[in-house]
Amino acid sequence: MSKGWRIIWIVLVVVVVGLWIANYYMSNPLAKHREAIELETYLNKNYPNQAFDVKDGKYEQKRDVYAFTVKNRDDMEQSYTFQIQNGRGYEVLSDTLKEQSYNL
C-alpha cells in the first residue's frame, strides 16, 4: 500500500471516530428532528383540541432522552416539558401537561 493510501485511511478513521464521539455526546440533528415529529404526532393524538408549538429540543446524554419545551399557542405563557426516549420506540417518557391536569 502506498503512502498516499495510508494517509487517506488514517484520515478516514479519525473522521469516523470523531463523528461517533460527537454523536454520542450531542446526538445528531436527524434524530432530534425525528423526535420532534414524533412529539407532534403524540400531541395531535392525545390533545386534538389544543394547538402547540414544539421548541428547544435538548439532548440529555446520561439518560439518552430528548427534552422538548412545548408552548400552548392560545396562551404562550404556558409551557410544558416532554421527554422522549432516543432511538428505538420514540416513547414519550414524561408529559408534564398530563401530570398537571391530574393535579387539578
C-alpha atoms as a PDB file:
ATOM      1  CA  MET A   1       0.000   0.000   0.000  1.00  0.00           C
ATOM      2  CA  SER A   2       1.371   3.374  -0.930  1.00  0.00           C
ATOM      3  CA  LYS A   3       1.931   6.247   1.462  1.00  0.00           C
ATOM      4  CA  GLY A   4      -0.990   8.212  -0.053  1.00  0.00           C
ATOM      5  CA  TRP A   5      -3.477   5.421   0.662  1.00  0.00           C
ATOM      6  CA  ARG A   6      -2.264   5.098   4.247  1.00  0.00           C
ATOM      7  CA  ILE A   7      -2.847   8.807   4.831  1.00  0.00           C
ATOM      8  CA  ILE A   8      -6.341   8.558   3.323  1.00  0.00           C
ATOM      9  CA  TRP A   9      -7.224   5.599   5.587  1.00  0.00           C
ATOM     10  CA  ILE A  10      -5.859   7.324   8.684  1.00  0.00           C
ATOM     11  CA  VAL A  11      -7.841  10.491   7.936  1.00  0.00           C
ATOM     12  CA  LEU A  12     -10.967   8.419   7.277  1.00  0.00           C
ATOM     13  CA  VAL A  13     -10.607   6.555  10.574  1.00  0.00           C
ATOM     14  CA  VAL A  14     -10.048   9.795  12.511  1.00  0.00           C
ATOM     15  CA  VAL A  15     -13.133  11.397  10.917  1.00  0.00           C
ATOM     16  CA  VAL A  16     -15.352   8.365  11.616  1.00  0.00           C
ATOM     17  CA  VAL A  17     -14.198   8.107  15.236  1.00  0.00           C
ATOM     18  CA  GLY A  18     -14.677  11.876  15.675  1.00  0.00           C
ATOM     19  CA  LEU A  19     -18.225  11.715  14.303  1.00  0.00           C
ATOM     20  CA  TRP A  20     -19.020   8.733  16.507  1.00  0.00           C
ATOM     21  CA  ILE A  21     -17.814  10.594  19.621  1.00  0.00           C
ATOM     22  CA  ALA A  22     -19.731  13.750  18.653  1.00  0.00           C
ATOM     23  CA  ASN A  23     -22.885  11.678  18.076  1.00  0.00           C
ATOM     24  CA  TYR A  24     -22.501  10.062  21.498  1.00  0.00           C
ATOM     25  CA  TYR A  25     -22.307  13.366  23.365  1.00  0.00           C
ATOM     26  CA  MET A  26     -24.583  15.597  21.286  1.00  0.00           C
ATOM     27  CA  SER A  27     -26.724  13.156  19.291  1.00  0.00           C
ATOM     28  CA  ASN A  28     -27.429  14.142  15.723  1.00  0.00           C
ATOM     29  CA  PRO A  29     -29.744  16.647  14.046  1.00  0.00           C
ATOM     30  CA  LEU A  30     -31.660  13.952  12.172  1.00  0.00           C
ATOM     31  CA  ALA A  31     -32.549  12.148  15.425  1.00  0.00           C
ATOM     32  CA  LYS A  32     -33.616  15.449  17.005  1.00  0.00           C
ATOM     33  CA  HIS A  33     -35.860  16.217  14.031  1.00  0.00           C
ATOM     34  CA  ARG A  34     -37.366  12.719  14.168  1.00  0.00           C
ATOM     35  CA  GLU A  35     -38.059  13.129  17.897  1.00  0.00           C
ATOM     36  CA  ALA A  36     -39.795  16.471  17.269  1.00  0.00           C
ATOM     37  CA  ILE A  37     -42.034  14.869  14.628  1.00  0.00           C
ATOM     38  CA  GLU A  38     -42.887  12.010  16.990  1.00  0.00           C
ATOM     39  CA  LEU A  39     -43.749  14.515  19.730  1.00  0.00           C
ATOM     40  CA  GLU A  40     -46.021  16.479  17.382  1.00  0.00           C
ATOM     41  CA  THR A  41     -47.768  13.236  16.443  1.00  0.00           C
ATOM     42  CA  TYR A  42     -48.194  12.390  20.135  1.00  0.00           C
ATOM     43  CA  LEU A  43     -49.635  15.846  20.869  1.00  0.00           C
ATOM     44  CA  ASN A  44     -52.072  15.671  17.938  1.00  0.00           C
ATOM     45  CA  LYS A  45     -53.246  12.225  19.048  1.00  0.00           C
ATOM     46  CA  ASN A  46     -53.593  12.927  22.787  1.00  0.00           C
ATOM     47  CA  TYR A  47     -54.631  16.599  22.728  1.00  0.00           C
ATOM     48  CA  PRO A  48     -56.593  17.067  19.471  1.00  0.00           C
ATOM     49  CA  ASN A  49     -58.451  20.211  20.596  1.00  0.00           C
ATOM     50  CA  GLN A  50     -55.319  22.174  21.503  1.00  0.00           C
ATOM     51  CA  ALA A  51     -52.566  23.707  19.398  1.00  0.00           C
ATOM     52  CA  PHE A  52     -48.928  23.553  20.469  1.00  0.00           C
ATOM     53  CA  ASP A  53     -45.519  24.737  19.288  1.00  0.00           C
ATOM     54  CA  VAL A  54     -42.619  22.362  19.883  1.00  0.00           C
ATOM     55  CA  LYS A  55     -39.479  24.292  20.871  1.00  0.00           C
ATOM     56  CA  ASP A  56     -35.965  23.798  22.208  1.00  0.00           C
ATOM     57  CA  GLY A  57     -35.108  20.129  21.939  1.00  0.00           C
ATOM     58  CA  LYS A  58     -32.123  19.350  24.131  1.00  0.00           C
ATOM     59  CA  TYR A  59     -30.312  16.030  24.285  1.00  0.00           C
ATOM     60  CA  GLU A  60     -29.643  14.598  27.743  1.00  0.00           C
ATOM     61  CA  GLN A  61     -26.759  12.226  27.202  1.00  0.00           C
ATOM     62  CA  LYS A  62     -26.829  10.492  30.585  1.00  0.00           C
ATOM     63  CA  ARG A  63     -30.431   9.355  30.205  1.00  0.00           C
ATOM     64  CA  ASP A  64     -30.400   9.113  26.383  1.00  0.00           C
ATOM     65  CA  VAL A  65     -33.538  11.248  26.036  1.00  0.00           C
ATOM     66  CA  TYR A  66     -34.563  14.474  24.362  1.00  0.00           C
ATOM     67  CA  ALA A  67     -36.297  17.110  26.472  1.00  0.00           C
ATOM     68  CA  PHE A  68     -38.576  19.433  24.500  1.00  0.00           C
ATOM     69  CA  THR A  69     -40.344  22.571  25.642  1.00  0.00           C
ATOM     70  CA  VAL A  70     -43.874  22.788  24.275  1.00  0.00           C
ATOM     71  CA  LYS A  71     -45.863  26.018  24.348  1.00  0.00           C
ATOM     72  CA  ASN A  72     -49.614  26.361  24.072  1.00  0.00           C
ATOM     73  CA  ARG A  73     -50.467  28.572  21.068  1.00  0.00           C
ATOM     74  CA  ASP A  74     -53.510  30.012  22.831  1.00  0.00           C
ATOM     75  CA  ASP A  75     -51.542  31.037  25.914  1.00  0.00           C
ATOM     76  CA  MET A  76     -47.830  31.403  25.133  1.00  0.00           C
ATOM     77  CA  GLU A  77     -47.010  31.790  28.838  1.00  0.00           C
ATOM     78  CA  GLN A  78     -47.946  28.170  29.423  1.00  0.00           C
ATOM     79  CA  SER A  79     -45.092  25.806  28.697  1.00  0.00           C
ATOM     80  CA  TYR A  80     -44.726  22.104  29.267  1.00  0.00           C
ATOM     81  CA  THR A  81     -41.789  19.727  29.202  1.00  0.00           C
ATOM     82  CA  PHE A  82     -41.821  16.429  27.369  1.00  0.00           C
ATOM     83  CA  GLN A  83     -39.067  13.829  27.441  1.00  0.00           C
ATOM     84  CA  ILE A  84     -38.763  11.312  24.627  1.00  0.00           C
ATOM     85  CA  GLN A  85     -36.611   8.207  24.545  1.00  0.00           C
ATOM     86  CA  ASN A  86     -33.910   8.478  21.904  1.00  0.00           C
ATOM     87  CA  GLY A  87     -33.781   5.873  19.187  1.00  0.00           C
ATOM     88  CA  ARG A  88     -35.864   2.729  19.301  1.00  0.00           C
ATOM     89  CA  GLY A  89     -39.504   3.268  20.094  1.00  0.00           C
ATOM     90  CA  TYR A  90     -39.535   7.057  20.444  1.00  0.00           C
ATOM     91  CA  GLU A  91     -41.636   6.655  23.578  1.00  0.00           C
ATOM     92  CA  VAL A  92     -42.787   9.746  25.487  1.00  0.00           C
ATOM     93  CA  LEU A  93     -41.393   9.210  28.976  1.00  0.00           C
ATOM     94  CA  SER A  94     -42.540  12.411  30.647  1.00  0.00           C
ATOM     95  CA  ASP A  95     -45.617  14.525  29.864  1.00  0.00           C
ATOM     96  CA  THR A  96     -45.966  17.491  32.254  1.00  0.00           C
ATOM     97  CA  LEU A  97     -49.222  18.543  30.579  1.00  0.00           C
ATOM     98  CA  LYS A  98     -50.847  15.257  31.609  1.00  0.00           C
ATOM     99  CA  GLU A  99     -49.266  15.435  35.076  1.00  0.00           C
ATOM    100  CA  GLN A 100     -50.558  18.970  35.537  1.00  0.00           C
ATOM    101  CA  SER A 101     -54.122  18.005  34.547  1.00  0.00           C
ATOM    102  CA  TYR A 102     -54.067  15.174  37.127  1.00  0.00           C
ATOM    103  CA  ASN A 103     -53.121  17.653  39.869  1.00  0.00           C
ATOM    104  CA  LEU A 104     -56.030  19.997  39.116  1.00  0.00           C
END
